[in-house]
Amino acid sequence: MTGRTFWLVTAALLTIGFLAAGNVLQGRLLATRPQPEVSVSEALISRGSDEIVLDIRYPAVSGLHDAALEQALNESIRAQVDAAANAAEAEAAALWQEAETEGFAPWIYVFHTDYEAYCTRGILSLRVTTALDNGGVGFPHTVYYNIDIARSRRLCLDDLFASGGYRETLSAYIKRQISGNPRFFADEFTGITGRTAFFVRGGRLYIAFAKYEIASGMTGEPVFAIPSRLLHGRLRPEYAGLFR
């Protein structure tokens, strides 16, 4: 193994202004575009060594009215990506060290990140996924970031609802969806919390779970679209018209 490395960092500013109609941009951005000044730029990082290849793309948001929120959001996304990439490089280096000691051919690791961005009636939802191909089943990790653009606030699930009673209703719905499906751990599912991951897309609320959180690995990262009838009368007034 040599210490030779190569790297290339490219910032590709694919600036996206949010206008009126839904759209798809390179498979990652779907928008109903209420705020022309808000944009999402794509940062690309490609580097590698003998042990690992890193193929990274992640979003950077600009144009929010609250500069502190914008900075915190972008720093959180970059920290997520950096932490996952550093862990992947450390794991790859350890494998190669073991290979040199034991005399077997090591696997060349591939680490990649990707994202999607949705903007629906003033709510910007970002999905940022990191994943390491280590020759096994893999373990993607996704973080969802939800921003109320007009009110300059990052949202958790509780923020959308007038009270916590919605949790029981949504939990019961998800329980019905997974019951009887052997891929899901229905008996172990205890319901959602106010911090459960979610995103908003196309006038629908989606509840998201991590790989292995409520199902076997072959299911991936389960996502459930919540019927709007379960939301009516439970939302805060400012979000009552968000879902259809």
Protein backbone atom coordinates (compact mmCIF):
# COMPACT_ATOMS: atom_id res chain seq x y z
CA MET A 1 0.00 0.00 0.00
CA THR A 2 1.34 3.42 -0.89
CA GLY A 3 0.47 6.73 0.60
CA ARG A 4 -0.33 8.18 -2.79
CA THR A 5 -3.62 10.06 -2.76
CA PHE A 6 -5.45 12.22 -5.17
CA TRP A 7 -8.29 14.60 -4.65
CA LEU A 8 -10.41 17.05 -6.48
CA VAL A 9 -12.88 19.39 -4.86
CA THR A 10 -15.42 21.07 -7.07
CA ALA A 11 -18.10 23.49 -5.95
CA ALA A 12 -20.81 23.32 -8.54
CA LEU A 13 -23.23 26.12 -7.91
CA LEU A 14 -26.44 24.79 -9.34
CA THR A 15 -28.46 27.73 -8.07
CA ILE A 16 -32.13 26.97 -7.89
CA GLY A 17 -34.67 29.76 -7.49
CA PHE A 18 -37.97 28.58 -6.08
CA LEU A 19 -40.85 29.81 -8.29
CA ALA A 20 -44.46 28.63 -8.54
CA ALA A 21 -44.73 25.16 -10.11
CA GLY A 22 -43.36 21.76 -9.12
CA ASN A 23 -40.18 20.69 -10.89
CA VAL A 24 -37.38 18.11 -10.89
CA LEU A 25 -33.71 19.07 -11.21
CA GLN A 26 -31.23 16.26 -11.92
CA GLY A 27 -33.24 13.87 -9.80
CA ARG A 28 -32.59 15.69 -6.57
CA LEU A 29 -34.75 18.81 -6.37
CA LEU A 30 -38.52 18.91 -6.49
CA ALA A 31 -39.95 22.33 -5.74
CA THR A 32 -43.08 24.40 -5.61
CA ARG A 33 -40.80 27.38 -5.21
CA PRO A 34 -42.39 30.09 -3.04
CA GLN A 35 -39.31 32.17 -2.26
CA PRO A 36 -37.33 33.41 -5.31
CA GLU A 37 -34.37 34.51 -3.18
CA VAL A 38 -33.78 31.10 -1.57
CA SER A 39 -31.43 28.83 -3.48
CA VAL A 40 -29.81 25.44 -3.10
CA SER A 41 -26.27 25.00 -4.39
CA GLU A 42 -24.58 21.66 -4.87
CA ALA A 43 -21.07 21.03 -3.54
CA LEU A 44 -19.13 18.19 -5.12
CA ILE A 45 -16.14 16.50 -3.49
CA SER A 46 -14.25 13.69 -5.18
CA ARG A 47 -11.07 12.28 -3.72
CA GLY A 48 -9.47 8.93 -3.18
CA SER A 49 -6.53 6.82 -2.09
CA ASP A 50 -5.44 3.22 -2.40
CA GLU A 51 -7.96 2.28 0.29
CA ILE A 52 -11.09 4.25 -0.57
CA VAL A 53 -12.85 6.37 -3.16
CA LEU A 54 -15.10 9.18 -1.95
CA ASP A 55 -17.87 10.52 -4.17
CA ILE A 56 -19.69 13.25 -2.26
CA ARG A 57 -22.43 15.69 -3.17
CA TYR A 58 -24.38 17.70 -0.65
CA PRO A 59 -26.58 20.81 -0.61
CA ALA A 60 -25.81 24.31 0.62
CA VAL A 61 -28.70 26.69 1.24
CA SER A 62 -28.53 30.45 0.70
CA GLY A 63 -31.01 33.30 0.79
CA LEU A 64 -32.74 32.60 4.10
CA HIS A 65 -33.79 35.75 5.94
CA ASP A 66 -32.07 34.53 9.12
CA ALA A 67 -28.34 34.42 8.43
CA ALA A 68 -27.62 32.59 11.69
CA LEU A 69 -30.12 29.84 10.83
CA GLU A 70 -28.66 29.53 7.34
CA GLN A 71 -25.13 29.18 8.71
CA ALA A 72 -26.20 26.64 11.33
CA LEU A 73 -28.09 24.59 8.75
CA ASN A 74 -25.19 24.47 6.30
CA GLU A 75 -22.72 23.70 9.09
CA SER A 76 -24.92 20.83 10.30
CA ILE A 77 -25.07 19.31 6.82
CA ARG A 78 -21.33 19.64 6.29
CA ALA A 79 -20.63 18.19 9.75
CA GLN A 80 -22.84 15.17 8.95
CA VAL A 81 -20.97 14.56 5.69
CA ASP A 82 -17.50 15.12 7.17
CA ALA A 83 -18.11 12.83 10.15
CA ALA A 84 -19.36 10.01 7.93
CA ALA A 85 -16.49 10.44 5.46
CA ASN A 86 -13.87 10.46 8.23
CA ALA A 87 -15.34 7.30 9.74
CA ALA A 88 -15.34 5.61 6.35
CA GLU A 89 -11.69 6.52 5.72
CA ALA A 90 -10.70 5.21 9.15
CA GLU A 91 -12.54 1.91 8.54
CA ALA A 92 -10.91 1.51 5.13
CA ALA A 93 -7.44 2.23 6.51
CA ALA A 94 -7.94 -0.36 9.27
CA LEU A 95 -9.00 -3.00 6.74
CA TRP A 96 -5.96 -2.37 4.58
CA GLN A 97 -3.69 -2.58 7.61
CA GLU A 98 -5.28 -5.92 8.50
CA ALA A 99 -4.86 -7.09 4.89
CA GLU A 100 -1.14 -6.30 4.95
CA THR A 101 -0.75 -8.20 8.23
CA GLU A 102 -2.84 -11.23 7.25
CA GLY A 103 -1.79 -11.37 3.60
CA PHE A 104 -5.17 -11.13 1.85
CA ALA A 105 -6.42 -8.81 -0.87
CA PRO A 106 -8.46 -5.98 0.66
CA TRP A 107 -11.69 -4.57 -0.63
CA ILE A 108 -11.54 -1.07 -2.09
CA TYR A 109 -14.14 0.91 -0.19
CA VAL A 110 -16.48 3.38 -1.89
CA PHE A 111 -18.11 6.14 0.16
CA HIS A 112 -20.78 8.32 -1.36
CA THR A 113 -23.35 10.87 -0.33
CA ASP A 114 -26.36 12.22 -2.15
CA TYR A 115 -29.31 14.44 -1.41
CA GLU A 116 -32.77 15.52 -2.47
CA ALA A 117 -34.40 18.89 -1.86
CA TYR A 118 -38.13 19.61 -1.88
CA CYS A 119 -39.92 22.91 -1.37
CA THR A 120 -43.65 22.82 -0.72
CA ARG A 121 -45.65 25.91 0.23
CA GLY A 122 -42.73 27.53 2.01
CA ILE A 123 -41.33 24.40 3.70
CA LEU A 124 -37.89 23.38 2.48
CA SER A 125 -37.09 19.72 3.14
CA LEU A 126 -33.61 18.32 2.56
CA ARG A 127 -32.66 14.66 2.61
CA VAL A 128 -28.92 14.01 2.97
CA THR A 129 -27.79 10.37 2.80
CA THR A 130 -24.31 9.00 3.42
CA ALA A 131 -23.39 5.40 2.63
CA LEU A 132 -20.30 3.20 2.67
CA ASP A 133 -19.89 0.23 0.33
CA ASN A 134 -17.58 -2.04 2.29
CA GLY A 135 -18.27 -5.25 0.43
CA GLY A 136 -21.16 -6.16 2.71
CA VAL A 137 -24.79 -5.15 2.98
CA GLY A 138 -23.99 -1.47 3.53
CA PHE A 139 -25.52 0.91 6.03
CA PRO A 140 -26.93 4.16 4.62
CA HIS A 141 -27.60 6.92 7.09
CA THR A 142 -30.08 9.67 6.25
CA VAL A 143 -30.73 12.95 8.02
CA TYR A 144 -33.73 15.12 7.15
CA TYR A 145 -33.62 18.90 7.53
CA ASN A 146 -36.91 20.85 7.42
CA ILE A 147 -37.03 24.63 7.29
CA ASP A 148 -39.98 27.03 7.48
CA ILE A 149 -38.65 29.64 5.07
CA ALA A 150 -41.00 32.50 5.93
CA ARG A 151 -40.59 32.07 9.70
CA SER A 152 -36.88 31.23 9.51
CA ARG A 153 -37.06 28.21 11.76
CA ARG A 154 -35.92 24.61 11.62
CA LEU A 155 -38.83 22.28 12.24
CA CYS A 156 -39.26 19.05 14.15
CA LEU A 157 -42.40 16.98 13.74
CA ASP A 158 -44.03 18.41 16.87
CA ASP A 159 -43.77 21.92 15.42
CA LEU A 160 -46.40 21.14 12.78
CA PHE A 161 -49.12 20.13 15.22
CA ALA A 162 -51.28 21.93 17.74
CA SER A 163 -50.86 19.20 20.37
CA GLY A 164 -49.16 15.87 20.86
CA GLY A 165 -52.31 13.84 20.27
CA TYR A 166 -51.38 13.37 16.61
CA ARG A 167 -48.63 10.93 17.56
CA GLU A 168 -51.08 8.23 18.59
CA THR A 169 -53.08 8.66 15.36
CA LEU A 170 -50.05 8.52 13.06
CA SER A 171 -48.47 5.68 15.04
CA ALA A 172 -51.64 3.63 14.72
CA TYR A 173 -51.70 4.23 10.96
CA ILE A 174 -48.09 3.10 10.53
CA LYS A 175 -48.72 0.09 12.76
CA ARG A 176 -51.54 -0.99 10.46
CA GLN A 177 -49.30 -0.63 7.42
CA ILE A 178 -46.57 -2.89 8.80
CA SER A 179 -48.66 -5.47 10.65
CA GLY A 180 -48.57 -8.84 8.92
CA ASN A 181 -45.51 -7.94 6.84
CA PRO A 182 -42.65 -10.24 7.93
CA ARG A 183 -40.04 -7.70 6.89
CA PHE A 184 -41.21 -5.30 9.61
CA PHE A 185 -40.78 -5.56 13.38
CA ALA A 186 -44.43 -4.75 14.03
CA ASP A 187 -44.47 -6.23 17.53
CA GLU A 188 -41.53 -4.02 18.52
CA PHE A 189 -42.86 -0.81 17.00
CA THR A 190 -43.74 1.54 19.87
CA GLY A 191 -44.83 4.52 17.81
CA ILE A 192 -43.41 7.82 16.66
CA THR A 193 -42.19 10.72 18.75
CA GLY A 194 -42.07 14.45 18.25
CA ARG A 195 -38.52 14.03 16.95
CA THR A 196 -39.20 11.26 14.42
CA ALA A 197 -37.73 12.06 11.00
CA PHE A 198 -40.06 13.49 8.37
CA PHE A 199 -40.18 15.50 5.19
CA VAL A 200 -42.78 17.38 3.15
CA ARG A 201 -43.12 16.73 -0.57
CA GLY A 202 -45.85 17.59 -3.03
CA GLY A 203 -48.40 18.46 -0.37
CA ARG A 204 -47.86 15.22 1.55
CA LEU A 205 -46.28 14.48 4.92
CA TYR A 206 -43.85 11.56 4.98
CA ILE A 207 -42.57 9.82 8.11
CA ALA A 208 -39.13 8.25 7.70
CA PHE A 209 -37.18 5.61 9.57
CA ALA A 210 -33.57 4.50 9.54
CA LYS A 211 -32.43 1.16 8.17
CA TYR A 212 -33.04 -1.59 10.76
CA GLU A 213 -35.06 0.80 12.94
CA ILE A 214 -38.42 -0.88 12.33
CA ALA A 215 -37.65 -3.45 9.62
CA SER A 216 -35.08 -5.88 8.30
CA GLY A 217 -32.17 -4.64 6.21
CA MET A 218 -33.73 -5.71 2.90
CA THR A 219 -36.42 -3.06 3.45
CA GLY A 220 -33.87 -0.25 3.38
CA GLU A 221 -35.03 3.00 4.97
CA PRO A 222 -38.84 2.81 5.21
CA VAL A 223 -40.94 5.88 4.42
CA PHE A 224 -44.69 6.26 4.98
CA ALA A 225 -46.94 8.81 3.26
CA ILE A 226 -49.52 10.02 5.76
CA PRO A 227 -53.08 10.54 4.42
CA SER A 228 -54.16 14.17 4.71
CA ARG A 229 -57.42 13.11 6.45
CA LEU A 230 -55.34 12.12 9.48
CA LEU A 231 -53.84 15.60 9.69
CA HIS A 232 -56.92 17.80 9.38
CA GLY A 233 -57.86 19.47 12.64
CA ARG A 234 -54.55 18.56 14.25
CA LEU A 235 -52.17 21.02 12.60
CA ARG A 236 -51.13 24.42 13.89
CA PRO A 237 -53.02 27.22 12.08
CA GLU A 238 -49.95 28.32 10.14
CA TYR A 239 -49.58 24.82 8.67
CA ALA A 240 -53.26 23.95 8.18
CA GLY A 241 -53.05 24.56 4.42
CA LEU A 242 -49.75 22.77 3.92
CA PHE A 243 -51.13 19.32 3.11
CA ARG A 244 -53.79 18.29 0.65
